[in-house]
Amino acid sequence: MRLRLYLDTSVISAYVDDRMPERRRATVDFWSRLPDFDVSVSELSLTEIRATGDVFPRRQMEQLIAPFEVLRVGDEAQGLAREYVRRGVFSPATLDDALHVAVTVVSRRDLLVSWNFRHLVNRRRRALVNEVSISLGYPTIEIIAPPEL
């Protein structure tokens, strides 16, 4: 069985961002391995990409994710994200991060891949996410950075 990956917007944008060359190289390397996985993004990712002011990187990102499944941010995911906030896993200011996690969990993805170390890719957050998810009958997920795959 192939692992099911959810990519948050930080991974997609890192592919086209020249400001951090090492991160960009790691992302391009990661991208070369994606054919071995079932990859998805969400409507939220599309919204965040479309908010990019510069047309050239926006188009690059849209082309990069064109082959991937786009997951809905439905009522179930929104409710789970609000529950993460209610239980203190995320602050109200980071609701979009909670939504990325909730879409990953509700859609039964195995891994959320992100470059967001502050709000997502850290041991404490992963433990809190999984604690809440399990208490509500959802599966656990791994939250990793691209080089960890």
C-alpha atoms as a PDB file:
ATOM      1  CA  MET A   1       0.000   0.000   0.000  1.00  0.00           C
ATOM      2  CA  ARG A   2       1.275   3.439  -0.933  1.00  0.00           C
ATOM      3  CA  LEU A   3       1.463   6.090   1.763  1.00  0.00           C
ATOM      4  CA  ARG A   4      -1.059   8.904   1.422  1.00  0.00           C
ATOM      5  CA  LEU A   5       0.528  12.334   1.725  1.00  0.00           C
ATOM      6  CA  TYR A   6      -1.091  15.696   2.289  1.00  0.00           C
ATOM      7  CA  LEU A   7       1.057  18.680   1.328  1.00  0.00           C
ATOM      8  CA  ASP A   8       0.428  21.987   3.026  1.00  0.00           C
ATOM      9  CA  THR A   9       1.109  25.215   1.172  1.00  0.00           C
ATOM     10  CA  SER A  10       4.553  25.728   2.709  1.00  0.00           C
ATOM     11  CA  VAL A  11       5.903  22.743   0.765  1.00  0.00           C
ATOM     12  CA  ILE A  12       4.401  23.924  -2.503  1.00  0.00           C
ATOM     13  CA  SER A  13       5.666  27.481  -2.099  1.00  0.00           C
ATOM     14  CA  ALA A  14       9.159  26.293  -1.083  1.00  0.00           C
ATOM     15  CA  TYR A  15       9.532  24.698  -4.506  1.00  0.00           C
ATOM     16  CA  VAL A  16       9.385  28.129  -6.191  1.00  0.00           C
ATOM     17  CA  ASP A  17      10.955  30.273  -3.446  1.00  0.00           C
ATOM     18  CA  ASP A  18      14.558  31.291  -4.159  1.00  0.00           C
ATOM     19  CA  ARG A  19      15.026  33.093  -0.829  1.00  0.00           C
ATOM     20  CA  MET A  20      16.035  29.868   0.950  1.00  0.00           C
ATOM     21  CA  PRO A  21      18.151  27.861  -1.528  1.00  0.00           C
ATOM     22  CA  GLU A  22      18.764  24.884   0.777  1.00  0.00           C
ATOM     23  CA  ARG A  23      15.066  24.507   1.529  1.00  0.00           C
ATOM     24  CA  ARG A  24      14.263  24.841  -2.161  1.00  0.00           C
ATOM     25  CA  ARG A  25      16.798  22.120  -3.081  1.00  0.00           C
ATOM     26  CA  ALA A  26      15.390  19.810  -0.399  1.00  0.00           C
ATOM     27  CA  THR A  27      11.877  20.458  -1.698  1.00  0.00           C
ATOM     28  CA  VAL A  28      12.829  19.766  -5.317  1.00  0.00           C
ATOM     29  CA  ASP A  29      14.473  16.512  -4.168  1.00  0.00           C
ATOM     30  CA  PHE A  30      11.359  15.625  -2.174  1.00  0.00           C
ATOM     31  CA  TRP A  31       9.179  16.358  -5.235  1.00  0.00           C
ATOM     32  CA  SER A  32      11.167  13.860  -7.296  1.00  0.00           C
ATOM     33  CA  ARG A  33      10.034  11.112  -4.888  1.00  0.00           C
ATOM     34  CA  LEU A  34       6.317  11.965  -5.027  1.00  0.00           C
ATOM     35  CA  PRO A  35       5.419   9.439  -7.762  1.00  0.00           C
ATOM     36  CA  ASP A  36       5.865   6.734  -5.087  1.00  0.00           C
ATOM     37  CA  PHE A  37       2.988   8.172  -3.020  1.00  0.00           C
ATOM     38  CA  ASP A  38      -0.670   9.140  -3.246  1.00  0.00           C
ATOM     39  CA  VAL A  39      -0.473  12.918  -2.932  1.00  0.00           C
ATOM     40  CA  SER A  40      -3.188  15.410  -2.102  1.00  0.00           C
ATOM     41  CA  VAL A  41      -3.677  19.064  -1.293  1.00  0.00           C
ATOM     42  CA  SER A  42      -6.841  20.847  -0.210  1.00  0.00           C
ATOM     43  CA  GLU A  43      -9.148  23.638  -1.220  1.00  0.00           C
ATOM     44  CA  LEU A  44      -7.427  25.653   1.492  1.00  0.00           C
ATOM     45  CA  SER A  45      -4.082  25.157  -0.255  1.00  0.00           C
ATOM     46  CA  LEU A  46      -5.631  26.395  -3.508  1.00  0.00           C
ATOM     47  CA  THR A  47      -7.020  29.464  -1.751  1.00  0.00           C
ATOM     48  CA  GLU A  48      -3.641  30.236  -0.187  1.00  0.00           C
ATOM     49  CA  ILE A  49      -1.856  29.801  -3.529  1.00  0.00           C
ATOM     50  CA  ARG A  50      -4.371  32.016  -5.321  1.00  0.00           C
ATOM     51  CA  ALA A  51      -3.698  34.747  -2.747  1.00  0.00           C
ATOM     52  CA  THR A  52      -0.086  34.951  -3.990  1.00  0.00           C
ATOM     53  CA  GLY A  53       0.297  38.427  -5.446  1.00  0.00           C
ATOM     54  CA  ASP A  54       3.025  37.615  -7.959  1.00  0.00           C
ATOM     55  CA  VAL A  55       1.515  35.895 -10.999  1.00  0.00           C
ATOM     56  CA  PHE A  56       4.614  33.901 -12.024  1.00  0.00           C
ATOM     57  CA  PRO A  57       5.109  31.907  -8.786  1.00  0.00           C
ATOM     58  CA  ARG A  58       1.342  31.521  -8.429  1.00  0.00           C
ATOM     59  CA  ARG A  59       1.138  29.871 -11.858  1.00  0.00           C
ATOM     60  CA  GLN A  60       4.160  27.685 -11.081  1.00  0.00           C
ATOM     61  CA  MET A  61       2.509  26.465  -7.869  1.00  0.00           C
ATOM     62  CA  GLU A  62      -0.795  25.801  -9.632  1.00  0.00           C
ATOM     63  CA  GLN A  63       1.036  23.711 -12.246  1.00  0.00           C
ATOM     64  CA  LEU A  64       2.946  21.798  -9.583  1.00  0.00           C
ATOM     65  CA  ILE A  65      -0.205  20.659  -7.814  1.00  0.00           C
ATOM     66  CA  ALA A  66      -2.336  20.061 -10.932  1.00  0.00           C
ATOM     67  CA  PRO A  67      -1.799  16.259 -10.820  1.00  0.00           C
ATOM     68  CA  PHE A  68      -2.791  15.947  -7.160  1.00  0.00           C
ATOM     69  CA  GLU A  69      -6.160  15.187  -5.634  1.00  0.00           C
ATOM     70  CA  VAL A  70      -7.792  18.290  -4.138  1.00  0.00           C
ATOM     71  CA  LEU A  71      -9.575  17.521  -0.875  1.00  0.00           C
ATOM     72  CA  ARG A  72     -12.638  19.446   0.255  1.00  0.00           C
ATOM     73  CA  VAL A  73     -12.599  21.428   3.457  1.00  0.00           C
ATOM     74  CA  GLY A  74     -15.995  20.157   4.512  1.00  0.00           C
ATOM     75  CA  ASP A  75     -18.045  20.526   7.654  1.00  0.00           C
ATOM     76  CA  GLU A  76     -16.361  17.569   9.351  1.00  0.00           C
ATOM     77  CA  ALA A  77     -12.869  19.022   8.846  1.00  0.00           C
ATOM     78  CA  GLN A  78     -14.024  22.478   9.940  1.00  0.00           C
ATOM     79  CA  GLY A  79     -15.551  21.017  13.086  1.00  0.00           C
ATOM     80  CA  LEU A  80     -12.393  19.075  13.900  1.00  0.00           C
ATOM     81  CA  ALA A  81     -10.246  22.181  13.337  1.00  0.00           C
ATOM     82  CA  ARG A  82     -12.464  24.151  15.717  1.00  0.00           C
ATOM     83  CA  GLU A  83     -12.112  21.345  18.266  1.00  0.00           C
ATOM     84  CA  TYR A  84      -8.315  21.529  17.986  1.00  0.00           C
ATOM     85  CA  VAL A  85      -8.575  25.248  18.719  1.00  0.00           C
ATOM     86  CA  ARG A  86     -11.074  24.734  21.551  1.00  0.00           C
ATOM     87  CA  ARG A  87      -8.733  22.228  23.221  1.00  0.00           C
ATOM     88  CA  GLY A  88      -5.706  24.498  22.859  1.00  0.00           C
ATOM     89  CA  VAL A  89      -3.811  22.506  20.250  1.00  0.00           C
ATOM     90  CA  PHE A  90      -3.903  25.575  17.991  1.00  0.00           C
ATOM     91  CA  SER A  91      -4.679  29.204  18.730  1.00  0.00           C
ATOM     92  CA  PRO A  92      -7.538  30.966  16.953  1.00  0.00           C
ATOM     93  CA  ALA A  93      -4.876  32.866  14.981  1.00  0.00           C
ATOM     94  CA  THR A  94      -3.598  29.586  13.523  1.00  0.00           C
ATOM     95  CA  LEU A  95      -6.980  28.185  12.492  1.00  0.00           C
ATOM     96  CA  ASP A  96      -5.723  27.606   8.929  1.00  0.00           C
ATOM     97  CA  ASP A  97      -2.984  25.344  10.288  1.00  0.00           C
ATOM     98  CA  ALA A  98      -5.635  23.472  12.257  1.00  0.00           C
ATOM     99  CA  LEU A  99      -7.658  23.148   9.049  1.00  0.00           C
ATOM    100  CA  HIS A 100      -4.702  21.636   7.180  1.00  0.00           C
ATOM    101  CA  VAL A 101      -4.348  19.085   9.977  1.00  0.00           C
ATOM    102  CA  ALA A 102      -8.081  18.401  10.145  1.00  0.00           C
ATOM    103  CA  VAL A 103      -8.339  17.799   6.392  1.00  0.00           C
ATOM    104  CA  THR A 104      -5.401  15.389   6.670  1.00  0.00           C
ATOM    105  CA  VAL A 105      -7.036  13.495   9.540  1.00  0.00           C
ATOM    106  CA  VAL A 106     -10.600  13.429   8.186  1.00  0.00           C
ATOM    107  CA  SER A 107      -9.430  12.254   4.755  1.00  0.00           C
ATOM    108  CA  ARG A 108      -7.393   9.466   6.376  1.00  0.00           C
ATOM    109  CA  ARG A 109      -4.025  10.597   5.005  1.00  0.00           C
ATOM    110  CA  ASP A 110      -0.981   9.025   6.635  1.00  0.00           C
ATOM    111  CA  LEU A 111       1.303  12.048   6.634  1.00  0.00           C
ATOM    112  CA  LEU A 112       1.021  15.807   6.591  1.00  0.00           C
ATOM    113  CA  VAL A 113       4.165  17.244   5.010  1.00  0.00           C
ATOM    114  CA  SER A 114       5.061  20.819   5.919  1.00  0.00           C
ATOM    115  CA  TRP A 115       7.933  23.244   6.362  1.00  0.00           C
ATOM    116  CA  ASN A 116       6.016  25.000   9.167  1.00  0.00           C
ATOM    117  CA  PHE A 117       8.133  24.063  12.193  1.00  0.00           C
ATOM    118  CA  ARG A 118       6.594  26.666  14.464  1.00  0.00           C
ATOM    119  CA  HIS A 119       2.971  25.547  14.199  1.00  0.00           C
ATOM    120  CA  LEU A 120       3.013  22.044  12.715  1.00  0.00           C
ATOM    121  CA  VAL A 121       6.242  20.075  12.467  1.00  0.00           C
ATOM    122  CA  ASN A 122       7.168  19.533  16.072  1.00  0.00           C
ATOM    123  CA  ARG A 123       6.818  16.715  18.564  1.00  0.00           C
ATOM    124  CA  ARG A 124       4.559  18.587  20.990  1.00  0.00           C
ATOM    125  CA  ARG A 125       2.033  19.607  18.345  1.00  0.00           C
ATOM    126  CA  ARG A 126       1.948  16.135  16.797  1.00  0.00           C
ATOM    127  CA  ALA A 127       1.272  14.586  20.215  1.00  0.00           C
ATOM    128  CA  LEU A 128      -1.532  17.049  20.971  1.00  0.00           C
ATOM    129  CA  VAL A 129      -3.113  16.584  17.540  1.00  0.00           C
ATOM    130  CA  ASN A 130      -3.078  12.821  17.908  1.00  0.00           C
ATOM    131  CA  GLU A 131      -4.412  12.959  21.470  1.00  0.00           C
ATOM    132  CA  VAL A 132      -7.457  14.958  20.367  1.00  0.00           C
ATOM    133  CA  SER A 133      -7.914  12.908  17.205  1.00  0.00           C
ATOM    134  CA  ILE A 134      -7.884   9.602  19.091  1.00  0.00           C
ATOM    135  CA  SER A 135     -10.319  10.930  21.705  1.00  0.00           C
ATOM    136  CA  LEU A 136     -12.762  11.692  18.875  1.00  0.00           C
ATOM    137  CA  GLY A 137     -12.317   8.354  17.098  1.00  0.00           C
ATOM    138  CA  TYR A 138      -9.991   9.531  14.353  1.00  0.00           C
ATOM    139  CA  PRO A 139      -6.703   7.917  13.347  1.00  0.00           C
ATOM    140  CA  THR A 140      -3.308   9.341  14.187  1.00  0.00           C
ATOM    141  CA  ILE A 141      -1.111  11.054  11.613  1.00  0.00           C
ATOM    142  CA  GLU A 142       2.540  11.913  11.275  1.00  0.00           C
ATOM    143  CA  ILE A 143       3.503  15.536  10.656  1.00  0.00           C
ATOM    144  CA  ILE A 144       6.900  15.734   9.000  1.00  0.00           C
ATOM    145  CA  ALA A 145       9.175  17.979   6.969  1.00  0.00           C
ATOM    146  CA  PRO A 146      10.064  16.958   3.395  1.00  0.00           C
ATOM    147  CA  PRO A 147      13.586  15.677   4.232  1.00  0.00           C
ATOM    148  CA  GLU A 148      12.108  13.220   6.737  1.00  0.00           C
ATOM    149  CA  LEU A 149      10.361  11.207   4.046  1.00  0.00           C
END
